[in-house]
Amino acid sequence: MKNKIHFNEVVTRDGFQNEAMFIPTDQKITLINQLSQCGFAKIEVTSFTSPKAIPMLADATEVMQGIERVAGVEYTVLIPNLKGAERAMQVRPDELNLVMSTSQSHNFSNMRMSMESSFGSLTEVIRFVDHQIAVNVSLSTAFGCPMEGYVDPRVVIDLITRFSDLGVNRFTICDTTGMANPEQVAQMAELVTNLFPQKSFIFHFHNTRGMGLANLLSAIDHGITQFDGSLGGLGGCPYAPGATGNICSEDAIYMTQLIGHDTNIDISRLLDAAKKLETIIGRPLPGQMVKAGTIDRLHPVSEQVQDLMNQSQL
């Protein structure tokens, strides 16, 4: 094996938040329990955001209370503000994932406030938590914003520095609308790992322009070993124009395994979960593995071809 690559599953938060029809709480719990048996490092279960903002996740408390936790899996929840953190702490997540954008326009669209106000709000959360559980900060639109275009990496670095000064050690660098390319990813990976060698970095890609897996490979080649993915490729940001699904977990994980990396993921169980997700959503999903299967899934030779093969041996 080349490297140990850790995958985090975000489908029941990032994937479900864009769905129009409410997914029943018991189905969410069943799917999370199934995913817990697949070998993920982390599962982003839900978000403690306003139910008015994202009705799909209004059952966050019930879901967190209903899941069966598996040793070795971190169960994280997305937190937009102090009120959300106060609610979340009552159900004992393993991590709070705080989020803000690296562009003003997306931050106003997503958080309804300026970047500086978001930083202040998240500072309150970090001080409230006071090292009781782990904190991760997700920086959205880190490679590009659909309203502003290219985002200067210095903005990303400045935010990492400021949150580090508050004691944060975990960061997710998010390509929220699939604007990144492999060269840009390589530069960002080298930048953050060189400047912050003691910090933990997750890269979060979307496949909006078909470059999600290429970007993942580029990140691996430049020292990143933790990634988010969404089962079936489901998801997208409801507050970012043009955002489509995340990279597909099963496609990304199987590709990573085929080239020799250790992911600790049971691909058979993961494909079963993807099939289950299609029944929950009620439509085919973008992922390819659930359609094609693994490469050892061979098909019988037709009688016509077998006859031709036999005749060629005469």
C-alpha atoms as a PDB file:
ATOM      1  CA  MET A   1       0.000   0.000   0.000  1.00  0.00           C
ATOM      2  CA  LYS A   2       1.180   3.529  -0.769  1.00  0.00           C
ATOM      3  CA  ASN A   3      -0.561   5.683   1.845  1.00  0.00           C
ATOM      4  CA  LYS A   4      -3.318   5.496   4.403  1.00  0.00           C
ATOM      5  CA  ILE A   5      -6.147   7.665   3.025  1.00  0.00           C
ATOM      6  CA  HIS A   6      -8.992   8.654   5.351  1.00  0.00           C
ATOM      7  CA  PHE A   7     -12.450   9.266   3.915  1.00  0.00           C
ATOM      8  CA  ASN A   8     -15.280  11.135   5.615  1.00  0.00           C
ATOM      9  CA  GLU A   9     -18.901  10.647   4.554  1.00  0.00           C
ATOM     10  CA  VAL A  10     -21.111  13.755   4.301  1.00  0.00           C
ATOM     11  CA  VAL A  11     -24.218  12.529   2.485  1.00  0.00           C
ATOM     12  CA  THR A  12     -26.722  12.854   5.331  1.00  0.00           C
ATOM     13  CA  ARG A  13     -25.773  16.501   5.815  1.00  0.00           C
ATOM     14  CA  ASP A  14     -24.253  17.940   2.642  1.00  0.00           C
ATOM     15  CA  GLY A  15     -26.054  15.466   0.415  1.00  0.00           C
ATOM     16  CA  PHE A  16     -29.513  15.692   1.931  1.00  0.00           C
ATOM     17  CA  GLN A  17     -29.633  19.472   2.428  1.00  0.00           C
ATOM     18  CA  ASN A  18     -30.435  20.066  -1.252  1.00  0.00           C
ATOM     19  CA  GLU A  19     -33.303  17.575  -1.424  1.00  0.00           C
ATOM     20  CA  ALA A  20     -36.811  19.012  -1.800  1.00  0.00           C
ATOM     21  CA  MET A  21     -38.776  16.168  -0.196  1.00  0.00           C
ATOM     22  CA  PHE A  22     -38.195  15.548   3.525  1.00  0.00           C
ATOM     23  CA  ILE A  23     -36.414  12.265   4.193  1.00  0.00           C
ATOM     24  CA  PRO A  24     -37.919  10.540   7.253  1.00  0.00           C
ATOM     25  CA  THR A  25     -35.785  10.501  10.370  1.00  0.00           C
ATOM     26  CA  ASP A  26     -35.766   6.719  10.654  1.00  0.00           C
ATOM     27  CA  GLN A  27     -34.416   6.381   7.107  1.00  0.00           C
ATOM     28  CA  LYS A  28     -31.596   8.800   7.913  1.00  0.00           C
ATOM     29  CA  ILE A  29     -30.716   6.815  11.025  1.00  0.00           C
ATOM     30  CA  THR A  30     -30.774   3.503   9.154  1.00  0.00           C
ATOM     31  CA  LEU A  31     -28.484   4.845   6.430  1.00  0.00           C
ATOM     32  CA  ILE A  32     -26.017   6.310   8.945  1.00  0.00           C
ATOM     33  CA  ASN A  33     -25.917   2.996  10.803  1.00  0.00           C
ATOM     34  CA  GLN A  34     -25.182   1.250   7.514  1.00  0.00           C
ATOM     35  CA  LEU A  35     -22.413   3.735   6.694  1.00  0.00           C
ATOM     36  CA  SER A  36     -20.930   3.231  10.163  1.00  0.00           C
ATOM     37  CA  GLN A  37     -20.154  -0.374   9.181  1.00  0.00           C
ATOM     38  CA  CYS A  38     -18.231   0.621   6.031  1.00  0.00           C
ATOM     39  CA  GLY A  39     -14.973   1.814   7.615  1.00  0.00           C
ATOM     40  CA  PHE A  40     -15.229   5.608   7.378  1.00  0.00           C
ATOM     41  CA  ALA A  41     -12.976   7.749   9.549  1.00  0.00           C
ATOM     42  CA  LYS A  42     -15.754  10.271  10.095  1.00  0.00           C
ATOM     43  CA  ILE A  43     -19.442  10.731   9.288  1.00  0.00           C
ATOM     44  CA  GLU A  44     -20.960  14.202   9.131  1.00  0.00           C
ATOM     45  CA  VAL A  45     -24.362  13.264  10.509  1.00  0.00           C
ATOM     46  CA  THR A  46     -26.375  16.483  10.299  1.00  0.00           C
ATOM     47  CA  SER A  47     -26.369  20.218  10.939  1.00  0.00           C
ATOM     48  CA  PHE A  48     -27.669  22.206  13.887  1.00  0.00           C
ATOM     49  CA  THR A  49     -28.737  25.094  11.731  1.00  0.00           C
ATOM     50  CA  SER A  50     -32.080  26.893  11.731  1.00  0.00           C
ATOM     51  CA  PRO A  51     -34.913  24.538  10.709  1.00  0.00           C
ATOM     52  CA  LYS A  52     -36.339  27.449   8.704  1.00  0.00           C
ATOM     53  CA  ALA A  53     -33.119  27.725   6.716  1.00  0.00           C
ATOM     54  CA  ILE A  54     -32.770  23.992   5.986  1.00  0.00           C
ATOM     55  CA  PRO A  55     -35.991  22.110   6.876  1.00  0.00           C
ATOM     56  CA  MET A  56     -34.429  18.806   5.811  1.00  0.00           C
ATOM     57  CA  LEU A  57     -32.178  18.880   8.878  1.00  0.00           C
ATOM     58  CA  ALA A  58     -34.792  19.996  11.413  1.00  0.00           C
ATOM     59  CA  ASP A  59     -34.553  16.543  13.055  1.00  0.00           C
ATOM     60  CA  ALA A  60     -30.846  16.911  13.930  1.00  0.00           C
ATOM     61  CA  THR A  61     -31.329  16.092  17.614  1.00  0.00           C
ATOM     62  CA  GLU A  62     -33.482  13.023  16.914  1.00  0.00           C
ATOM     63  CA  VAL A  63     -31.012  11.684  14.367  1.00  0.00           C
ATOM     64  CA  MET A  64     -28.010  12.112  16.657  1.00  0.00           C
ATOM     65  CA  GLN A  65     -29.873  10.433  19.506  1.00  0.00           C
ATOM     66  CA  GLY A  66     -31.033   7.554  17.299  1.00  0.00           C
ATOM     67  CA  ILE A  67     -27.828   6.416  15.604  1.00  0.00           C
ATOM     68  CA  GLU A  68     -25.727   3.470  16.784  1.00  0.00           C
ATOM     69  CA  ARG A  69     -22.194   4.734  17.230  1.00  0.00           C
ATOM     70  CA  VAL A  70     -19.315   2.499  16.177  1.00  0.00           C
ATOM     71  CA  ALA A  71     -15.930   2.678  17.880  1.00  0.00           C
ATOM     72  CA  GLY A  72     -13.302   4.313  15.677  1.00  0.00           C
ATOM     73  CA  VAL A  73     -15.799   6.445  13.738  1.00  0.00           C
ATOM     74  CA  GLU A  74     -16.054  10.147  14.525  1.00  0.00           C
ATOM     75  CA  TYR A  75     -19.568  11.574  14.374  1.00  0.00           C
ATOM     76  CA  THR A  76     -19.445  15.254  13.498  1.00  0.00           C
ATOM     77  CA  VAL A  77     -22.150  17.903  13.076  1.00  0.00           C
ATOM     78  CA  LEU A  78     -22.100  21.203  11.201  1.00  0.00           C
ATOM     79  CA  ILE A  79     -22.476  24.303  13.365  1.00  0.00           C
ATOM     80  CA  PRO A  80     -23.215  27.797  11.989  1.00  0.00           C
ATOM     81  CA  ASN A  81     -23.294  29.739  15.277  1.00  0.00           C
ATOM     82  CA  LEU A  82     -23.370  29.657  19.086  1.00  0.00           C
ATOM     83  CA  LYS A  83     -27.055  28.732  19.261  1.00  0.00           C
ATOM     84  CA  GLY A  84     -26.390  25.694  17.095  1.00  0.00           C
ATOM     85  CA  ALA A  85     -23.417  24.723  19.240  1.00  0.00           C
ATOM     86  CA  GLU A  86     -25.499  24.889  22.408  1.00  0.00           C
ATOM     87  CA  ARG A  87     -28.073  22.529  20.871  1.00  0.00           C
ATOM     88  CA  ALA A  88     -25.423  20.189  19.523  1.00  0.00           C
ATOM     89  CA  MET A  89     -23.500  19.816  22.758  1.00  0.00           C
ATOM     90  CA  GLN A  90     -26.574  18.198  24.329  1.00  0.00           C
ATOM     91  CA  VAL A  91     -26.260  15.172  22.019  1.00  0.00           C
ATOM     92  CA  ARG A  92     -22.497  14.669  22.438  1.00  0.00           C
ATOM     93  CA  PRO A  93     -21.019  14.770  18.933  1.00  0.00           C
ATOM     94  CA  ASP A  94     -17.350  13.861  18.588  1.00  0.00           C
ATOM     95  CA  GLU A  95     -16.632  17.063  16.694  1.00  0.00           C
ATOM     96  CA  LEU A  96     -18.197  20.399  15.834  1.00  0.00           C
ATOM     97  CA  ASN A  97     -17.624  21.442  12.230  1.00  0.00           C
ATOM     98  CA  LEU A  98     -17.791  25.248  12.020  1.00  0.00           C
ATOM     99  CA  VAL A  99     -18.267  26.870   8.634  1.00  0.00           C
ATOM    100  CA  MET A 100     -17.678  30.204   6.966  1.00  0.00           C
ATOM    101  CA  SER A 101     -16.777  31.326   3.472  1.00  0.00           C
ATOM    102  CA  THR A 102     -13.593  32.811   2.052  1.00  0.00           C
ATOM    103  CA  SER A 103     -15.600  35.206  -0.159  1.00  0.00           C
ATOM    104  CA  GLN A 104     -17.836  38.027   1.042  1.00  0.00           C
ATOM    105  CA  SER A 105     -20.655  37.411  -1.419  1.00  0.00           C
ATOM    106  CA  HIS A 106     -20.926  33.703  -0.663  1.00  0.00           C
ATOM    107  CA  ASN A 107     -20.713  34.356   3.065  1.00  0.00           C
ATOM    108  CA  PHE A 108     -23.586  36.842   2.853  1.00  0.00           C
ATOM    109  CA  SER A 109     -25.530  34.364   0.712  1.00  0.00           C
ATOM    110  CA  ASN A 110     -24.892  31.399   3.003  1.00  0.00           C
ATOM    111  CA  MET A 111     -24.534  32.978   6.457  1.00  0.00           C
ATOM    112  CA  ARG A 112     -26.374  36.291   5.979  1.00  0.00           C
ATOM    113  CA  MET A 113     -23.419  38.241   7.354  1.00  0.00           C
ATOM    114  CA  SER A 114     -19.945  39.493   6.488  1.00  0.00           C
ATOM    115  CA  MET A 115     -16.857  37.300   6.754  1.00  0.00           C
ATOM    116  CA  GLU A 116     -15.659  39.295   9.746  1.00  0.00           C
ATOM    117  CA  SER A 117     -18.997  38.843  11.502  1.00  0.00           C
ATOM    118  CA  SER A 118     -18.814  35.102  10.812  1.00  0.00           C
ATOM    119  CA  PHE A 119     -15.326  34.958  12.265  1.00  0.00           C
ATOM    120  CA  GLY A 120     -16.588  36.698  15.384  1.00  0.00           C
ATOM    121  CA  SER A 121     -19.562  34.349  15.659  1.00  0.00           C
ATOM    122  CA  LEU A 122     -17.369  31.252  15.319  1.00  0.00           C
ATOM    123  CA  THR A 123     -14.915  32.665  17.840  1.00  0.00           C
ATOM    124  CA  GLU A 124     -17.799  32.659  20.335  1.00  0.00           C
ATOM    125  CA  VAL A 125     -18.416  28.975  19.561  1.00  0.00           C
ATOM    126  CA  ILE A 126     -14.754  28.049  20.005  1.00  0.00           C
ATOM    127  CA  ARG A 127     -14.619  29.798  23.374  1.00  0.00           C
ATOM    128  CA  PHE A 128     -17.919  28.207  24.416  1.00  0.00           C
ATOM    129  CA  VAL A 129     -16.657  24.709  23.582  1.00  0.00           C
ATOM    130  CA  ASP A 130     -13.414  25.408  25.482  1.00  0.00           C
ATOM    131  CA  HIS A 131     -11.653  22.238  24.273  1.00  0.00           C
ATOM    132  CA  GLN A 132     -14.429  19.937  25.544  1.00  0.00           C
ATOM    133  CA  ILE A 133     -14.650  18.317  22.100  1.00  0.00           C
ATOM    134  CA  ALA A 134     -12.758  18.668  18.828  1.00  0.00           C
ATOM    135  CA  VAL A 135     -13.436  21.639  16.548  1.00  0.00           C
ATOM    136  CA  ASN A 136     -12.983  21.659  12.777  1.00  0.00           C
ATOM    137  CA  VAL A 137     -13.297  24.810  10.661  1.00  0.00           C
ATOM    138  CA  SER A 138     -14.554  24.413   7.084  1.00  0.00           C
ATOM    139  CA  LEU A 139     -13.597  27.228   4.721  1.00  0.00           C
ATOM    140  CA  SER A 140     -16.043  27.359   1.827  1.00  0.00           C
ATOM    141  CA  THR A 141     -15.271  28.579  -1.732  1.00  0.00           C
ATOM    142  CA  ALA A 142     -11.546  28.279  -0.960  1.00  0.00           C
ATOM    143  CA  PHE A 143     -10.687  27.734  -4.632  1.00  0.00           C
ATOM    144  CA  GLY A 144     -13.264  30.024  -6.208  1.00  0.00           C
ATOM    145  CA  CYS A 145     -16.588  31.756  -5.648  1.00  0.00           C
ATOM    146  CA  PRO A 146     -19.453  31.599  -8.177  1.00  0.00           C
ATOM    147  CA  MET A 147     -20.137  35.311  -7.660  1.00  0.00           C
ATOM    148  CA  GLU A 148     -16.607  36.685  -7.274  1.00  0.00           C
ATOM    149  CA  GLY A 149     -14.452  34.217  -9.184  1.00  0.00           C
ATOM    150  CA  TYR A 150     -10.916  33.288  -8.130  1.00  0.00           C
ATOM    151  CA  VAL A 151     -10.196  33.428  -4.394  1.00  0.00           C
ATOM    152  CA  ASP A 152      -6.696  34.519  -3.419  1.00  0.00           C
ATOM    153  CA  PRO A 153      -5.016  31.756  -1.345  1.00  0.00           C
ATOM    154  CA  ARG A 154      -3.755  34.482   1.000  1.00  0.00           C
ATOM    155  CA  VAL A 155      -7.354  34.882   2.223  1.00  0.00           C
ATOM    156  CA  VAL A 156      -7.455  31.174   3.076  1.00  0.00           C
ATOM    157  CA  ILE A 157      -4.071  31.310   4.791  1.00  0.00           C
ATOM    158  CA  ASP A 158      -5.073  34.369   6.818  1.00  0.00           C
ATOM    159  CA  LEU A 159      -8.204  32.630   8.113  1.00  0.00           C
ATOM    160  CA  ILE A 160      -6.302  29.452   8.987  1.00  0.00           C
ATOM    161  CA  THR A 161      -3.788  31.583  10.892  1.00  0.00           C
ATOM    162  CA  ARG A 162      -6.467  33.442  12.819  1.00  0.00           C
ATOM    163  CA  PHE A 163      -8.366  30.292  13.755  1.00  0.00           C
ATOM    164  CA  SER A 164      -5.088  28.586  14.699  1.00  0.00           C
ATOM    165  CA  ASP A 165      -4.431  31.419  17.113  1.00  0.00           C
ATOM    166  CA  LEU A 166      -7.726  30.435  18.782  1.00  0.00           C
ATOM    167  CA  GLY A 167      -6.508  26.848  19.185  1.00  0.00           C
ATOM    168  CA  VAL A 168      -8.151  25.220  16.155  1.00  0.00           C
ATOM    169  CA  ASN A 169      -6.123  22.333  14.726  1.00  0.00           C
ATOM    170  CA  ARG A 170      -8.488  20.884  12.117  1.00  0.00           C
ATOM    171  CA  PHE A 171      -9.483  22.498   8.824  1.00  0.00           C
ATOM    172  CA  THR A 172     -11.480  21.536   5.738  1.00  0.00           C
ATOM    173  CA  ILE A 173     -10.567  23.304   2.504  1.00  0.00           C
ATOM    174  CA  CYS A 174     -13.734  23.336   0.395  1.00  0.00           C
ATOM    175  CA  ASP A 175     -14.182  23.570  -3.360  1.00  0.00           C
ATOM    176  CA  THR A 176     -17.838  24.435  -2.823  1.00  0.00           C
ATOM    177  CA  THR A 177     -18.893  24.777  -6.466  1.00  0.00           C
ATOM    178  CA  GLY A 178     -16.299  22.673  -8.276  1.00  0.00           C
ATOM    179  CA  MET A 179     -14.162  25.574  -9.525  1.00  0.00           C
ATOM    180  CA  ALA A 180     -10.790  24.041  -8.641  1.00  0.00           C
ATOM    181  CA  ASN A 181      -8.393  22.395 -11.079  1.00  0.00           C
ATOM    182  CA  PRO A 182      -5.580  19.910 -10.301  1.00  0.00           C
ATOM    183  CA  GLU A 183      -2.784  22.483 -10.570  1.00  0.00           C
ATOM    184  CA  GLN A 184      -4.595  24.863  -8.225  1.00  0.00           C
ATOM    185  CA  VAL A 185      -5.201  22.001  -5.797  1.00  0.00           C
ATOM    186  CA  ALA A 186      -1.516  21.084  -5.866  1.00  0.00           C
ATOM    187  CA  GLN A 187      -0.543  24.653  -5.017  1.00  0.00           C
ATOM    188  CA  MET A 188      -3.041  24.863  -2.152  1.00  0.00           C
ATOM    189  CA  ALA A 189      -1.992  21.485  -0.743  1.00  0.00           C
ATOM    190  CA  GLU A 190       1.670  22.452  -0.750  1.00  0.00           C
ATOM    191  CA  LEU A 191       0.881  25.839   0.752  1.00  0.00           C
ATOM    192  CA  VAL A 192      -1.159  24.635   3.728  1.00  0.00           C
ATOM    193  CA  THR A 193       1.005  21.611   4.553  1.00  0.00           C
ATOM    194  CA  ASN A 194       4.228  23.641   4.388  1.00  0.00           C
ATOM    195  CA  LEU A 195       2.915  26.604   6.390  1.00  0.00           C
ATOM    196  CA  PHE A 196       0.953  24.547   8.940  1.00  0.00           C
ATOM    197  CA  PRO A 197       2.704  21.160   9.247  1.00  0.00           C
ATOM    198  CA  GLN A 198       1.124  20.401  12.635  1.00  0.00           C
ATOM    199  CA  LYS A 199      -2.450  21.022  11.480  1.00  0.00           C
ATOM    200  CA  SER A 200      -4.911  18.481  10.072  1.00  0.00           C
ATOM    201  CA  PHE A 201      -6.362  19.235   6.623  1.00  0.00           C
ATOM    202  CA  ILE A 202      -9.334  17.685   4.848  1.00  0.00           C
ATOM    203  CA  PHE A 203      -9.964  18.568   1.195  1.00  0.00           C
ATOM    204  CA  HIS A 204     -13.599  18.737   0.096  1.00  0.00           C
ATOM    205  CA  PHE A 205     -14.283  18.586  -3.643  1.00  0.00           C
ATOM    206  CA  HIS A 206     -17.346  18.897  -5.837  1.00  0.00           C
ATOM    207  CA  ASN A 207     -17.602  17.379  -9.299  1.00  0.00           C
ATOM    208  CA  THR A 208     -19.458  20.288 -10.890  1.00  0.00           C
ATOM    209  CA  ARG A 209     -17.085  20.461 -13.860  1.00  0.00           C
ATOM    210  CA  GLY A 210     -15.981  16.834 -13.893  1.00  0.00           C
ATOM    211  CA  MET A 211     -12.634  17.433 -12.188  1.00  0.00           C
ATOM    212  CA  GLY A 212     -13.421  16.066  -8.727  1.00  0.00           C
ATOM    213  CA  LEU A 213     -11.430  12.826  -8.948  1.00  0.00           C
ATOM    214  CA  ALA A 214      -8.541  14.503 -10.769  1.00  0.00           C
ATOM    215  CA  ASN A 215      -8.402  17.077  -8.002  1.00  0.00           C
ATOM    216  CA  LEU A 216      -8.403  14.323  -5.380  1.00  0.00           C
ATOM    217  CA  LEU A 217      -5.458  12.580  -7.061  1.00  0.00           C
ATOM    218  CA  SER A 218      -3.574  15.865  -7.246  1.00  0.00           C
ATOM    219  CA  ALA A 219      -4.160  16.447  -3.522  1.00  0.00           C
ATOM    220  CA  ILE A 220      -2.919  12.942  -2.660  1.00  0.00           C
ATOM    221  CA  ASP A 221       0.208  13.499  -4.748  1.00  0.00           C
ATOM    222  CA  HIS A 222       0.900  16.640  -2.720  1.00  0.00           C
ATOM    223  CA  GLY A 223       0.514  15.247   0.759  1.00  0.00           C
ATOM    224  CA  ILE A 224      -3.211  15.392   1.598  1.00  0.00           C
ATOM    225  CA  THR A 225      -4.557  12.191   3.154  1.00  0.00           C
ATOM    226  CA  GLN A 226      -8.077  13.178   4.312  1.00  0.00           C
ATOM    227  CA  PHE A 227     -11.067  13.757   2.054  1.00  0.00           C
ATOM    228  CA  ASP A 228     -14.819  14.293   2.197  1.00  0.00           C
ATOM    229  CA  GLY A 229     -17.117  12.425  -0.139  1.00  0.00           C
ATOM    230  CA  SER A 230     -20.852  11.974  -0.540  1.00  0.00           C
ATOM    231  CA  LEU A 231     -22.534   8.638  -1.194  1.00  0.00           C
ATOM    232  CA  GLY A 232     -23.785   8.488  -4.765  1.00  0.00           C
ATOM    233  CA  GLY A 233     -22.322  11.940  -5.485  1.00  0.00           C
ATOM    234  CA  LEU A 234     -25.356  13.549  -3.867  1.00  0.00           C
ATOM    235  CA  GLY A 235     -25.349  17.149  -2.694  1.00  0.00           C
ATOM    236  CA  GLY A 236     -24.425  20.727  -3.399  1.00  0.00           C
ATOM    237  CA  CYS A 237     -24.658  24.084  -1.680  1.00  0.00           C
ATOM    238  CA  PRO A 238     -28.179  25.591  -1.768  1.00  0.00           C
ATOM    239  CA  TYR A 239     -26.685  29.084  -1.477  1.00  0.00           C
ATOM    240  CA  ALA A 240     -24.147  28.821  -4.304  1.00  0.00           C
ATOM    241  CA  PRO A 241     -25.391  29.237  -7.884  1.00  0.00           C
ATOM    242  CA  GLY A 242     -24.392  26.329 -10.112  1.00  0.00           C
ATOM    243  CA  ALA A 243     -23.284  24.025  -7.302  1.00  0.00           C
ATOM    244  CA  THR A 244     -23.852  20.357  -8.050  1.00  0.00           C
ATOM    245  CA  GLY A 245     -22.894  17.201  -6.243  1.00  0.00           C
ATOM    246  CA  ASN A 246     -19.889  16.317  -4.157  1.00  0.00           C
ATOM    247  CA  ILE A 247     -17.385  13.791  -5.386  1.00  0.00           C
ATOM    248  CA  CYS A 248     -18.988  10.367  -5.191  1.00  0.00           C
ATOM    249  CA  SER A 249     -17.669   8.426  -2.191  1.00  0.00           C
ATOM    250  CA  GLU A 250     -17.750   4.983  -3.736  1.00  0.00           C
ATOM    251  CA  ASP A 251     -16.162   6.141  -7.019  1.00  0.00           C
ATOM    252  CA  ALA A 252     -13.386   8.066  -5.252  1.00  0.00           C
ATOM    253  CA  ILE A 253     -12.699   5.340  -2.702  1.00  0.00           C
ATOM    254  CA  TYR A 254     -12.570   2.518  -5.243  1.00  0.00           C
ATOM    255  CA  MET A 255     -10.246   4.502  -7.508  1.00  0.00           C
ATOM    256  CA  THR A 256      -7.993   5.209  -4.534  1.00  0.00           C
ATOM    257  CA  GLN A 257      -7.931   1.533  -3.598  1.00  0.00           C
ATOM    258  CA  LEU A 258      -7.152   0.414  -7.167  1.00  0.00           C
ATOM    259  CA  ILE A 259      -4.003   2.546  -7.306  1.00  0.00           C
ATOM    260  CA  GLY A 260      -2.720   0.997  -4.091  1.00  0.00           C
ATOM    261  CA  HIS A 261      -3.795   3.214  -1.202  1.00  0.00           C
ATOM    262  CA  ASP A 262      -5.295   1.839   2.006  1.00  0.00           C
ATOM    263  CA  THR A 263      -8.722   3.378   2.731  1.00  0.00           C
ATOM    264  CA  ASN A 264     -10.076   0.905   5.329  1.00  0.00           C
ATOM    265  CA  ILE A 265     -13.392   1.000   3.427  1.00  0.00           C
ATOM    266  CA  ASP A 266     -15.387  -2.144   2.642  1.00  0.00           C
ATOM    267  CA  ILE A 267     -16.422  -1.350  -0.927  1.00  0.00           C
ATOM    268  CA  SER A 268     -19.098  -4.074  -1.030  1.00  0.00           C
ATOM    269  CA  ARG A 269     -20.864  -2.639   1.995  1.00  0.00           C
ATOM    270  CA  LEU A 270     -20.509   0.846   0.577  1.00  0.00           C
ATOM    271  CA  LEU A 271     -22.140  -0.157  -2.709  1.00  0.00           C
ATOM    272  CA  ASP A 272     -25.003  -1.725  -0.754  1.00  0.00           C
ATOM    273  CA  ALA A 273     -25.444   1.606   1.022  1.00  0.00           C
ATOM    274  CA  ALA A 274     -25.435   3.442  -2.321  1.00  0.00           C
ATOM    275  CA  LYS A 275     -28.192   1.160  -3.613  1.00  0.00           C
ATOM    276  CA  LYS A 276     -30.153   1.825  -0.426  1.00  0.00           C
ATOM    277  CA  LEU A 277     -29.718   5.578  -0.957  1.00  0.00           C
ATOM    278  CA  GLU A 278     -31.213   5.359  -4.443  1.00  0.00           C
ATOM    279  CA  THR A 279     -34.357   3.794  -2.977  1.00  0.00           C
ATOM    280  CA  ILE A 280     -34.530   6.550  -0.342  1.00  0.00           C
ATOM    281  CA  ILE A 281     -34.117   9.354  -2.887  1.00  0.00           C
ATOM    282  CA  GLY A 282     -36.233   7.634  -5.512  1.00  0.00           C
ATOM    283  CA  ARG A 283     -34.023   8.321  -8.499  1.00  0.00           C
ATOM    284  CA  PRO A 284     -30.679   7.220  -9.991  1.00  0.00           C
ATOM    285  CA  LEU A 285     -27.662   9.041  -8.572  1.00  0.00           C
ATOM    286  CA  PRO A 286     -24.573  10.367 -10.389  1.00  0.00           C
ATOM    287  CA  GLY A 287     -22.158   7.737  -9.050  1.00  0.00           C
ATOM    288  CA  GLN A 288     -20.760   5.246 -11.555  1.00  0.00           C
ATOM    289  CA  MET A 289     -19.724   2.360  -9.296  1.00  0.00           C
ATOM    290  CA  VAL A 290     -23.276   1.561  -8.268  1.00  0.00           C
ATOM    291  CA  LYS A 291     -24.107   1.127 -11.964  1.00  0.00           C
ATOM    292  CA  ALA A 292     -21.020  -0.720 -13.173  1.00  0.00           C
ATOM    293  CA  GLY A 293     -19.801  -2.548 -10.069  1.00  0.00           C
ATOM    294  CA  THR A 294     -16.190  -3.423  -9.323  1.00  0.00           C
ATOM    295  CA  ILE A 295     -13.844  -4.425 -12.148  1.00  0.00           C
ATOM    296  CA  ASP A 296     -14.034  -8.096 -11.167  1.00  0.00           C
ATOM    297  CA  ARG A 297     -17.755  -8.081 -11.955  1.00  0.00           C
ATOM    298  CA  LEU A 298     -17.483 -10.017 -15.226  1.00  0.00           C
ATOM    299  CA  HIS A 299     -20.255 -10.807 -17.686  1.00  0.00           C
ATOM    300  CA  PRO A 300     -20.969 -14.094 -19.464  1.00  0.00           C
ATOM    301  CA  VAL A 301     -19.855 -14.528 -23.047  1.00  0.00           C
ATOM    302  CA  SER A 302     -22.847 -14.628 -25.379  1.00  0.00           C
ATOM    303  CA  GLU A 303     -23.584 -17.785 -27.352  1.00  0.00           C
ATOM    304  CA  GLN A 304     -22.825 -15.956 -30.599  1.00  0.00           C
ATOM    305  CA  VAL A 305     -19.398 -14.845 -29.408  1.00  0.00           C
ATOM    306  CA  GLN A 306     -18.677 -18.284 -27.943  1.00  0.00           C
ATOM    307  CA  ASP A 307     -19.483 -19.873 -31.319  1.00  0.00           C
ATOM    308  CA  LEU A 308     -17.055 -17.486 -33.039  1.00  0.00           C
ATOM    309  CA  MET A 309     -14.372 -18.292 -30.506  1.00  0.00           C
ATOM    310  CA  ASN A 310     -14.902 -22.026 -30.975  1.00  0.00           C
ATOM    311  CA  GLN A 311     -14.767 -21.713 -34.771  1.00  0.00           C
ATOM    312  CA  SER A 312     -11.478 -19.799 -34.582  1.00  0.00           C
ATOM    313  CA  GLN A 313      -9.913 -22.753 -32.777  1.00  0.00           C
ATOM    314  CA  LEU A 314     -10.843 -25.248 -35.517  1.00  0.00           C
END
